[in-house]
Amino acid sequence: TMASSTLVNTAEASELRLVHFLGDHDATSPFVLSCENAISNQDAPALIQTIVSHQDAIDKLILSDEGTGATCLLAVLFDRMDSSAGMGLLKQLVHAVEESNVDNVNNKTGLLCALYNLKRGPEKCWILGRILHLAAFNKCSNEDSILNLLPERKSTLGNLLEGNSLERILMGFGALNPEDERELYGIASNAIGKVAEVCRSKGLDVEATAAEASKQRFLLKMLATYGNVSAVDDEARSAAQQAAIGAISNPVALFVEQRCIMSLPPIMALKNDNPPLYSLLEIFQQGKLEDFQSFTHDVSAYNINKEDAVRNMRLLSLCSLATEYEQIPYDAIATTLQVDKADVEFWVIDAVSSGLLTAKMDQLQGIVLVERCAVRRFGIEQWKILQTRLNAWRKNVKGVLDGLKQSQI
């Protein structure tokens, strides 16, 4: 009994120190008195509610060097509450930190990171999203701090936005609802999109292009959290339009990531929500240049540069030809790409440089010998082509084996 009483007294003493610290040691202030009343009644929710509702206390928490320790004490209080009530108050606290007029984004981020390190599962996931949002969109953020989200800056948050790092972090959170992952991927997409805007404004075009590609990856991951078309909401429709335009604008650099975009439920919903955009995306995923030339809508309405679109469609059309034939005559390439025969080799080199295919050119015979190519789609027709090639390979291997047997007789 004595040990239990000591623990309670120690906890109360810690809470009182926290309250007096946040209340500027004014024992008669309404804030301190209200907090002391909650402590005496052992009412953790009331204590936290009083703290998060007092903006001066939040500002003190942000500004002070002792803020991290105070945040740890708050986290201990949160752990005494049931998950639903605790999550509600946690969100109030985080939003109060975000909305504070204290002009110090690093201190704000530090407080949220302290909370992040002390929480688990869905709460940890949600706080991580708010940290990313704070870094990109807080009113205290400036262009230099936003550019720290670039992966090459080697900041912790910048590293998270590179490749599959965020996805690996999520795996460590345990079981999450699709909604939790969706919110985090959406915030990550918006954050790196903001980085891209800043890069463009400062003439950092290479960095902007890389950031835009990262934004597209996170958009696709977000859209993948929707299980079926009936679950598609307004947020998904908006994200689907962005992702569709992104896939049309840059179909080559993210070829592998975007290959299955047509199967994503929010993208499928575009067929009814925005038929012209869906048709255009379908052309860039499966069609050839002649299909694009037949598209009657103005692509500039989607902020797509037509010259870039034609170049990309030529590369993709060549990729489709390479899927259909192992040997492609220069004439067939020139006709499909609608270019002069003299320019065929330039386009083959461009496709090889883009990683879409591996091939050799026989200039004497005027043919392209395809060794490997990226597959734009894999349906019944592609299965039949694969079956034909496997049968031919099996026949060739049988011929070699028969020849070896004959030579041994």
Protein backbone atom coordinates (compact mmCIF):
# COMPACT_ATOMS: atom_id res chain seq x y z
CA THR A 1 0.00 0.00 0.00
CA MET A 2 2.82 2.40 0.88
CA ALA A 3 4.47 1.87 -2.57
CA SER A 4 1.19 2.57 -4.36
CA SER A 5 0.65 5.76 -2.35
CA THR A 6 4.17 6.92 -3.19
CA LEU A 7 3.58 6.39 -6.91
CA VAL A 8 0.37 8.41 -6.79
CA ASN A 9 2.03 11.22 -4.86
CA THR A 10 4.96 11.23 -7.26
CA ALA A 11 2.59 11.39 -10.25
CA GLU A 12 0.62 14.26 -8.70
CA ALA A 13 3.83 16.13 -7.96
CA SER A 14 4.91 15.72 -11.59
CA GLU A 15 1.55 16.94 -12.83
CA LEU A 16 1.67 19.96 -10.52
CA ARG A 17 5.15 20.85 -11.73
CA LEU A 18 3.89 20.59 -15.30
CA VAL A 19 0.92 22.84 -14.58
CA HIS A 20 2.95 25.49 -12.77
CA PHE A 21 5.54 25.41 -15.55
CA LEU A 22 2.87 25.99 -18.19
CA GLY A 23 1.12 28.59 -16.03
CA ASP A 24 4.27 30.69 -15.51
CA HIS A 25 4.26 29.69 -11.84
CA ASP A 26 1.22 31.91 -11.14
CA ALA A 27 -0.51 29.84 -8.46
CA THR A 28 -3.60 32.07 -8.48
CA SER A 29 -4.28 32.08 -12.22
CA PRO A 30 -7.57 30.51 -13.38
CA PHE A 31 -5.58 28.12 -15.57
CA VAL A 32 -3.48 26.78 -12.69
CA LEU A 33 -6.46 26.58 -10.34
CA SER A 34 -8.53 24.69 -12.91
CA CYS A 35 -5.68 22.26 -13.52
CA GLU A 36 -5.11 21.71 -9.80
CA ASN A 37 -8.80 20.93 -9.38
CA ALA A 38 -8.58 18.29 -12.12
CA ILE A 39 -5.48 16.79 -10.48
CA SER A 40 -7.13 16.61 -7.05
CA ASN A 41 -10.10 14.83 -8.66
CA GLN A 42 -7.73 12.48 -10.55
CA ASP A 43 -9.45 13.59 -13.75
CA ALA A 44 -6.82 13.21 -16.48
CA PRO A 45 -9.18 14.11 -19.38
CA ALA A 46 -10.20 17.37 -17.68
CA LEU A 47 -6.55 18.23 -16.99
CA ILE A 48 -5.50 17.66 -20.58
CA GLN A 49 -8.54 19.49 -21.93
CA THR A 50 -7.66 22.52 -19.82
CA ILE A 51 -4.06 22.48 -21.05
CA VAL A 52 -4.81 22.06 -24.76
CA SER A 53 -7.50 24.78 -24.58
CA HIS A 54 -5.05 27.31 -23.12
CA GLN A 55 -3.04 28.75 -26.01
CA ASP A 56 -0.54 30.49 -23.73
CA ALA A 57 0.30 27.10 -22.23
CA ILE A 58 0.80 25.62 -25.69
CA ASP A 59 3.05 28.52 -26.67
CA LYS A 60 5.06 28.02 -23.49
CA LEU A 61 5.38 24.34 -24.36
CA ILE A 62 6.75 25.25 -27.80
CA LEU A 63 9.15 27.98 -26.70
CA SER A 64 10.71 26.44 -23.62
CA ASP A 65 13.83 24.28 -23.62
CA GLU A 66 11.92 22.10 -21.16
CA GLY A 67 9.13 21.56 -23.69
CA THR A 68 10.14 18.01 -24.61
CA GLY A 69 10.09 16.89 -20.97
CA ALA A 70 6.68 18.50 -20.48
CA THR A 71 5.44 16.75 -23.61
CA CYS A 72 6.56 13.41 -22.16
CA LEU A 73 4.50 14.12 -19.03
CA LEU A 74 1.51 14.92 -21.23
CA ALA A 75 2.01 11.65 -23.09
CA VAL A 76 1.91 9.80 -19.77
CA LEU A 77 -1.42 11.49 -19.02
CA PHE A 78 -2.77 10.43 -22.42
CA ASP A 79 -1.90 6.83 -21.62
CA ARG A 80 -4.27 6.93 -18.63
CA MET A 81 -7.25 7.56 -20.88
CA ASP A 82 -9.28 5.27 -23.13
CA SER A 83 -8.17 5.32 -26.76
CA SER A 84 -11.13 7.21 -28.28
CA ALA A 85 -11.09 10.09 -25.78
CA GLY A 86 -7.29 10.16 -25.76
CA MET A 87 -7.13 10.37 -29.56
CA GLY A 88 -9.58 13.27 -29.59
CA LEU A 89 -7.54 15.27 -27.10
CA LEU A 90 -4.30 14.30 -28.81
CA LYS A 91 -5.64 15.82 -32.03
CA GLN A 92 -6.60 18.99 -30.17
CA LEU A 93 -3.09 19.27 -28.75
CA VAL A 94 -1.38 18.72 -32.11
CA HIS A 95 -3.67 21.18 -33.90
CA ALA A 96 -3.04 23.74 -31.13
CA VAL A 97 0.69 23.37 -31.73
CA GLU A 98 0.20 23.74 -35.49
CA GLU A 99 -1.98 26.86 -35.13
CA SER A 100 0.26 28.57 -32.59
CA ASN A 101 1.62 31.95 -33.66
CA VAL A 102 5.04 31.06 -32.26
CA ASP A 103 7.41 31.56 -35.20
CA ASN A 104 9.58 28.49 -34.68
CA VAL A 105 8.74 25.55 -36.91
CA ASN A 106 11.71 23.53 -35.60
CA ASN A 107 10.44 23.67 -32.01
CA LYS A 108 6.94 22.77 -33.15
CA THR A 109 8.29 19.82 -35.11
CA GLY A 110 10.39 18.76 -32.12
CA LEU A 111 7.31 18.63 -29.88
CA LEU A 112 5.35 16.56 -32.39
CA CYS A 113 8.34 14.23 -32.80
CA ALA A 114 8.46 13.75 -29.02
CA LEU A 115 4.79 12.76 -29.09
CA TYR A 116 5.40 10.52 -32.10
CA ASN A 117 8.16 8.62 -30.30
CA LEU A 118 5.89 7.99 -27.30
CA LYS A 119 2.82 6.73 -29.19
CA ARG A 120 1.95 3.52 -31.01
CA GLY A 121 0.01 2.23 -34.01
CA PRO A 122 -2.67 4.50 -35.53
CA GLU A 123 -1.79 7.41 -33.23
CA LYS A 124 1.84 7.22 -34.36
CA CYS A 125 0.73 7.12 -38.00
CA TRP A 126 -1.53 10.16 -37.57
CA ILE A 127 1.15 12.22 -35.78
CA LEU A 128 3.65 11.41 -38.55
CA GLY A 129 1.20 12.85 -41.04
CA ARG A 130 0.85 16.04 -39.02
CA ILE A 131 4.65 16.35 -38.80
CA LEU A 132 4.91 16.18 -42.60
CA HIS A 133 2.07 18.67 -42.99
CA LEU A 134 3.67 21.03 -40.47
CA ALA A 135 6.99 20.93 -42.31
CA ALA A 136 5.40 21.87 -45.65
CA PHE A 137 2.39 24.04 -44.85
CA ASN A 138 2.80 25.64 -41.44
CA LYS A 139 2.47 29.43 -41.51
CA CYS A 140 5.94 29.61 -39.97
CA SER A 141 7.50 27.53 -42.76
CA ASN A 142 9.68 29.31 -45.30
CA GLU A 143 11.05 28.17 -48.64
CA ASP A 144 14.37 27.02 -47.20
CA SER A 145 12.69 24.86 -44.55
CA ILE A 146 10.35 23.41 -47.19
CA LEU A 147 13.30 22.53 -49.42
CA ASN A 148 14.73 20.50 -46.53
CA LEU A 149 12.12 17.91 -47.49
CA LEU A 150 14.13 17.15 -50.64
CA PRO A 151 15.72 13.69 -50.22
CA GLU A 152 19.13 14.98 -51.31
CA ARG A 153 19.15 17.33 -48.32
CA LYS A 154 19.45 14.18 -46.18
CA SER A 155 17.01 15.41 -43.53
CA THR A 156 15.03 12.81 -41.58
CA LEU A 157 11.72 13.88 -43.13
CA GLY A 158 13.28 14.18 -46.58
CA ASN A 159 14.52 10.60 -46.34
CA LEU A 160 10.99 9.47 -45.46
CA LEU A 161 9.70 10.88 -48.74
CA GLU A 162 12.22 8.94 -50.82
CA GLY A 163 11.43 5.62 -52.50
CA ASN A 164 9.53 3.17 -50.30
CA SER A 165 10.84 4.54 -46.99
CA LEU A 166 7.42 5.68 -45.79
CA GLU A 167 5.89 2.34 -46.68
CA ARG A 168 8.55 0.53 -44.63
CA ILE A 169 7.85 2.83 -41.68
CA LEU A 170 4.15 1.99 -41.90
CA MET A 171 4.91 -1.72 -41.69
CA GLY A 172 6.43 -1.12 -38.27
CA PHE A 173 3.21 0.45 -36.97
CA GLY A 174 1.37 -2.87 -36.91
CA ALA A 175 -2.19 -3.29 -38.17
CA LEU A 176 -3.57 -0.06 -39.62
CA ASN A 177 -6.91 0.73 -41.22
CA PRO A 178 -6.85 1.67 -44.92
CA GLU A 179 -8.11 5.10 -43.82
CA ASP A 180 -5.00 5.62 -41.67
CA GLU A 181 -2.65 4.79 -44.54
CA ARG A 182 -4.75 6.82 -46.97
CA GLU A 183 -4.50 9.96 -44.85
CA LEU A 184 -0.74 9.65 -44.45
CA TYR A 185 -0.10 9.01 -48.15
CA GLY A 186 -2.35 11.95 -49.03
CA ILE A 187 -0.41 14.28 -46.73
CA ALA A 188 2.91 12.98 -48.08
CA SER A 189 1.71 13.63 -51.64
CA ASN A 190 0.65 17.17 -50.81
CA ALA A 191 3.86 17.87 -48.90
CA ILE A 192 6.22 16.77 -51.67
CA GLY A 193 3.95 18.55 -54.14
CA LYS A 194 4.56 21.76 -52.22
CA VAL A 195 8.29 21.06 -52.44
CA ALA A 196 7.93 20.73 -56.22
CA GLU A 197 6.18 24.11 -56.41
CA VAL A 198 8.95 25.81 -54.46
CA CYS A 199 11.61 24.16 -56.62
CA ARG A 200 9.89 25.39 -59.80
CA SER A 201 9.66 28.92 -58.43
CA LYS A 202 13.40 28.90 -57.69
CA GLY A 203 14.42 27.43 -61.04
CA LEU A 204 15.39 24.04 -59.59
CA ASP A 205 13.84 22.11 -62.46
CA VAL A 206 15.65 18.79 -61.92
CA GLU A 207 14.65 18.72 -58.26
CA ALA A 208 11.10 19.78 -59.15
CA THR A 209 10.74 16.92 -61.63
CA ALA A 210 11.95 14.42 -59.04
CA ALA A 211 9.56 15.84 -56.42
CA GLU A 212 6.65 15.65 -58.86
CA ALA A 213 7.47 11.99 -59.49
CA SER A 214 7.44 11.35 -55.73
CA LYS A 215 4.08 13.11 -55.47
CA GLN A 216 2.70 10.79 -58.14
CA ARG A 217 3.98 7.70 -56.29
CA PHE A 218 2.23 8.75 -53.08
CA LEU A 219 -0.97 9.54 -54.99
CA LEU A 220 -0.96 6.02 -56.43
CA LYS A 221 -0.37 4.51 -52.99
CA MET A 222 -3.24 6.58 -51.60
CA LEU A 223 -5.61 5.48 -54.39
CA ALA A 224 -4.63 1.84 -53.80
CA THR A 225 -6.18 2.00 -50.31
CA TYR A 226 -9.67 2.06 -51.86
CA GLY A 227 -10.98 -1.48 -52.15
CA ASN A 228 -13.76 -0.94 -54.68
CA VAL A 229 -15.51 1.73 -56.75
CA SER A 230 -18.38 2.05 -54.26
CA ALA A 231 -15.90 3.27 -51.61
CA VAL A 232 -14.69 6.14 -53.81
CA ASP A 233 -15.40 9.53 -52.23
CA ASP A 234 -14.81 13.14 -53.27
CA GLU A 235 -11.24 13.06 -51.97
CA ALA A 236 -10.54 9.98 -54.07
CA ARG A 237 -12.08 11.56 -57.17
CA SER A 238 -9.88 14.63 -56.81
CA ALA A 239 -6.77 12.50 -56.23
CA ALA A 240 -7.67 10.25 -59.16
CA GLN A 241 -7.82 13.22 -61.53
CA GLN A 242 -4.43 14.42 -60.29
CA ALA A 243 -2.94 10.94 -60.67
CA ALA A 244 -4.41 10.51 -64.16
CA ILE A 245 -2.96 13.83 -65.32
CA GLY A 246 0.37 12.92 -63.68
CA ALA A 247 0.44 9.57 -65.49
CA ILE A 248 -0.32 11.27 -68.82
CA SER A 249 2.24 14.01 -68.27
CA ASN A 250 5.03 11.62 -67.26
CA PRO A 251 4.23 8.10 -68.47
CA VAL A 252 7.82 6.98 -69.07
CA ALA A 253 9.76 7.87 -65.90
CA LEU A 254 7.20 6.09 -63.69
CA PHE A 255 6.34 3.37 -66.19
CA VAL A 256 6.48 0.45 -63.74
CA GLU A 257 4.64 2.21 -60.91
CA GLN A 258 1.84 3.36 -63.22
CA ARG A 259 1.41 0.17 -65.22
CA CYS A 260 -1.57 -1.00 -63.12
CA ILE A 261 -3.18 2.42 -62.69
CA MET A 262 -6.28 1.47 -64.71
CA SER A 263 -7.19 -1.19 -62.12
CA LEU A 264 -7.35 1.28 -59.20
CA PRO A 265 -11.02 1.82 -58.15
CA PRO A 266 -10.83 5.66 -58.08
CA ILE A 267 -9.33 5.61 -61.59
CA MET A 268 -12.06 3.22 -62.75
CA ALA A 269 -14.61 5.70 -61.39
CA LEU A 270 -13.22 8.34 -63.76
CA LYS A 271 -14.91 6.51 -66.62
CA ASN A 272 -18.20 8.01 -65.40
CA ASP A 273 -16.88 11.05 -63.54
CA ASN A 274 -14.61 12.38 -66.30
CA PRO A 275 -14.91 10.31 -69.52
CA PRO A 276 -12.51 12.45 -71.65
CA LEU A 277 -9.72 12.23 -69.06
CA TYR A 278 -10.31 8.50 -68.61
CA SER A 279 -10.12 7.96 -72.38
CA LEU A 280 -6.91 9.96 -72.62
CA LEU A 281 -5.34 8.00 -69.77
CA GLU A 282 -6.39 4.75 -71.45
CA ILE A 283 -4.62 5.84 -74.63
CA PHE A 284 -1.40 6.55 -72.71
CA GLN A 285 -1.65 3.22 -70.94
CA GLN A 286 -2.60 0.98 -73.84
CA GLY A 287 -2.89 2.92 -77.11
CA LYS A 288 -0.58 4.13 -79.83
CA LEU A 289 0.16 7.48 -81.41
CA GLU A 290 -2.68 7.19 -83.93
CA ASP A 291 -5.13 6.83 -81.03
CA PHE A 292 -3.78 9.99 -79.44
CA GLN A 293 -4.00 11.86 -82.74
CA SER A 294 -7.67 10.85 -82.92
CA PHE A 295 -8.39 12.24 -79.44
CA THR A 296 -10.69 15.21 -80.01
CA HIS A 297 -10.41 17.07 -76.69
CA ASP A 298 -7.84 19.77 -76.03
CA VAL A 299 -5.14 18.27 -73.79
CA SER A 300 -4.07 21.74 -72.65
CA ALA A 301 -7.26 21.76 -70.55
CA TYR A 302 -5.42 19.29 -68.31
CA ASN A 303 -2.24 21.40 -68.31
CA ILE A 304 -0.55 18.87 -70.58
CA ASN A 305 2.00 20.02 -73.16
CA LYS A 306 1.00 18.53 -76.53
CA GLU A 307 4.57 18.32 -77.87
CA ASP A 308 5.68 16.38 -74.79
CA ALA A 309 2.59 14.18 -75.10
CA VAL A 310 3.40 13.33 -78.74
CA ARG A 311 7.00 12.47 -77.82
CA ASN A 312 5.87 10.19 -75.01
CA MET A 313 3.28 8.50 -77.21
CA ARG A 314 5.95 7.78 -79.82
CA LEU A 315 8.11 6.09 -77.19
CA LEU A 316 5.16 4.12 -75.85
CA SER A 317 4.06 3.15 -79.36
CA LEU A 318 7.55 1.82 -80.06
CA CYS A 319 7.34 -0.10 -76.80
CA SER A 320 4.06 -1.67 -77.94
CA LEU A 321 5.60 -2.66 -81.27
CA ALA A 322 8.50 -4.30 -79.43
CA THR A 323 6.00 -6.32 -77.40
CA GLU A 324 4.31 -7.59 -80.55
CA TYR A 325 7.37 -8.34 -82.69
CA GLU A 326 10.92 -9.54 -82.04
CA GLN A 327 12.13 -8.03 -85.30
CA ILE A 328 10.66 -4.69 -86.36
CA PRO A 329 11.33 -3.20 -89.80
CA TYR A 330 12.35 0.44 -89.87
CA ASP A 331 9.37 1.10 -92.17
CA ALA A 332 6.91 -0.23 -89.57
CA ILE A 333 8.43 1.96 -86.87
CA ALA A 334 8.37 5.04 -89.12
CA THR A 335 4.69 4.43 -89.95
CA THR A 336 3.62 3.79 -86.34
CA LEU A 337 5.57 6.74 -84.93
CA GLN A 338 4.64 8.98 -87.89
CA VAL A 339 8.27 9.99 -88.45
CA ASP A 340 10.73 9.87 -91.35
CA LYS A 341 12.57 6.59 -91.78
CA ALA A 342 15.82 8.50 -91.25
CA ASP A 343 14.69 9.36 -87.71
CA VAL A 344 13.90 5.79 -86.64
CA GLU A 345 17.28 5.14 -85.05
CA PHE A 346 16.98 8.30 -82.96
CA TRP A 347 13.70 7.05 -81.48
CA VAL A 348 15.09 3.58 -80.84
CA ILE A 349 18.04 5.09 -78.96
CA ASP A 350 15.66 7.33 -77.01
CA ALA A 351 13.52 4.33 -76.00
CA VAL A 352 16.59 2.36 -74.95
CA SER A 353 17.89 5.33 -72.93
CA SER A 354 14.48 5.58 -71.22
CA GLY A 355 14.73 1.95 -70.10
CA LEU A 356 11.67 0.89 -72.09
CA LEU A 357 13.52 -1.67 -74.20
CA THR A 358 16.81 -3.31 -74.99
CA ALA A 359 17.47 -3.75 -78.70
CA LYS A 360 20.03 -3.81 -81.48
CA MET A 361 19.74 -2.14 -84.87
CA ASP A 362 20.67 -3.91 -88.07
CA GLN A 363 21.24 -0.98 -90.40
CA LEU A 364 21.93 -3.18 -93.43
CA GLN A 365 18.61 -5.01 -93.23
CA GLY A 366 16.79 -2.04 -91.74
CA ILE A 367 15.37 -3.91 -88.77
CA VAL A 368 15.40 -3.55 -84.98
CA LEU A 369 16.17 -6.75 -83.05
CA VAL A 370 14.30 -6.65 -79.73
CA GLU A 371 15.99 -8.35 -76.78
CA ARG A 372 13.76 -7.05 -73.98
CA CYS A 373 10.94 -4.57 -73.65
CA ALA A 374 8.66 -3.21 -70.95
CA VAL A 375 5.14 -4.60 -71.19
CA ARG A 376 2.46 -1.90 -71.18
CA ARG A 377 -0.39 -4.31 -70.53
CA PHE A 378 -0.70 -8.06 -70.01
CA GLY A 379 -4.05 -9.46 -71.16
CA ILE A 380 -5.21 -12.42 -73.23
CA GLU A 381 -3.35 -11.25 -76.32
CA GLN A 382 -0.09 -11.00 -74.39
CA TRP A 383 -0.59 -14.48 -72.92
CA LYS A 384 -1.03 -15.84 -76.46
CA ILE A 385 2.16 -14.10 -77.61
CA LEU A 386 4.03 -15.52 -74.61
CA GLN A 387 2.63 -18.99 -75.34
CA THR A 388 3.79 -18.77 -78.96
CA ARG A 389 7.29 -17.69 -77.91
CA LEU A 390 7.55 -20.41 -75.25
CA ASN A 391 6.46 -23.05 -77.76
CA ALA A 392 9.07 -21.80 -80.20
CA TRP A 393 11.72 -21.82 -77.45
CA ARG A 394 10.73 -25.38 -76.46
CA LYS A 395 10.94 -26.49 -80.09
CA ASN A 396 14.39 -24.92 -80.45
CA VAL A 397 15.65 -26.54 -77.24
CA LYS A 398 14.30 -29.91 -78.41
CA GLY A 399 16.17 -29.48 -81.68
CA VAL A 400 19.41 -28.77 -79.81
CA LEU A 401 18.94 -31.82 -77.56
CA ASP A 402 18.15 -34.05 -80.54
CA GLY A 403 21.28 -32.77 -82.28
CA LEU A 404 23.40 -33.57 -79.21
CA LYS A 405 22.00 -37.10 -79.08
CA GLN A 406 22.74 -37.66 -82.75
CA SER A 407 26.33 -36.46 -82.27
CA GLN A 408 26.84 -38.98 -79.46
CA ILE A 409 25.73 -41.94 -81.54
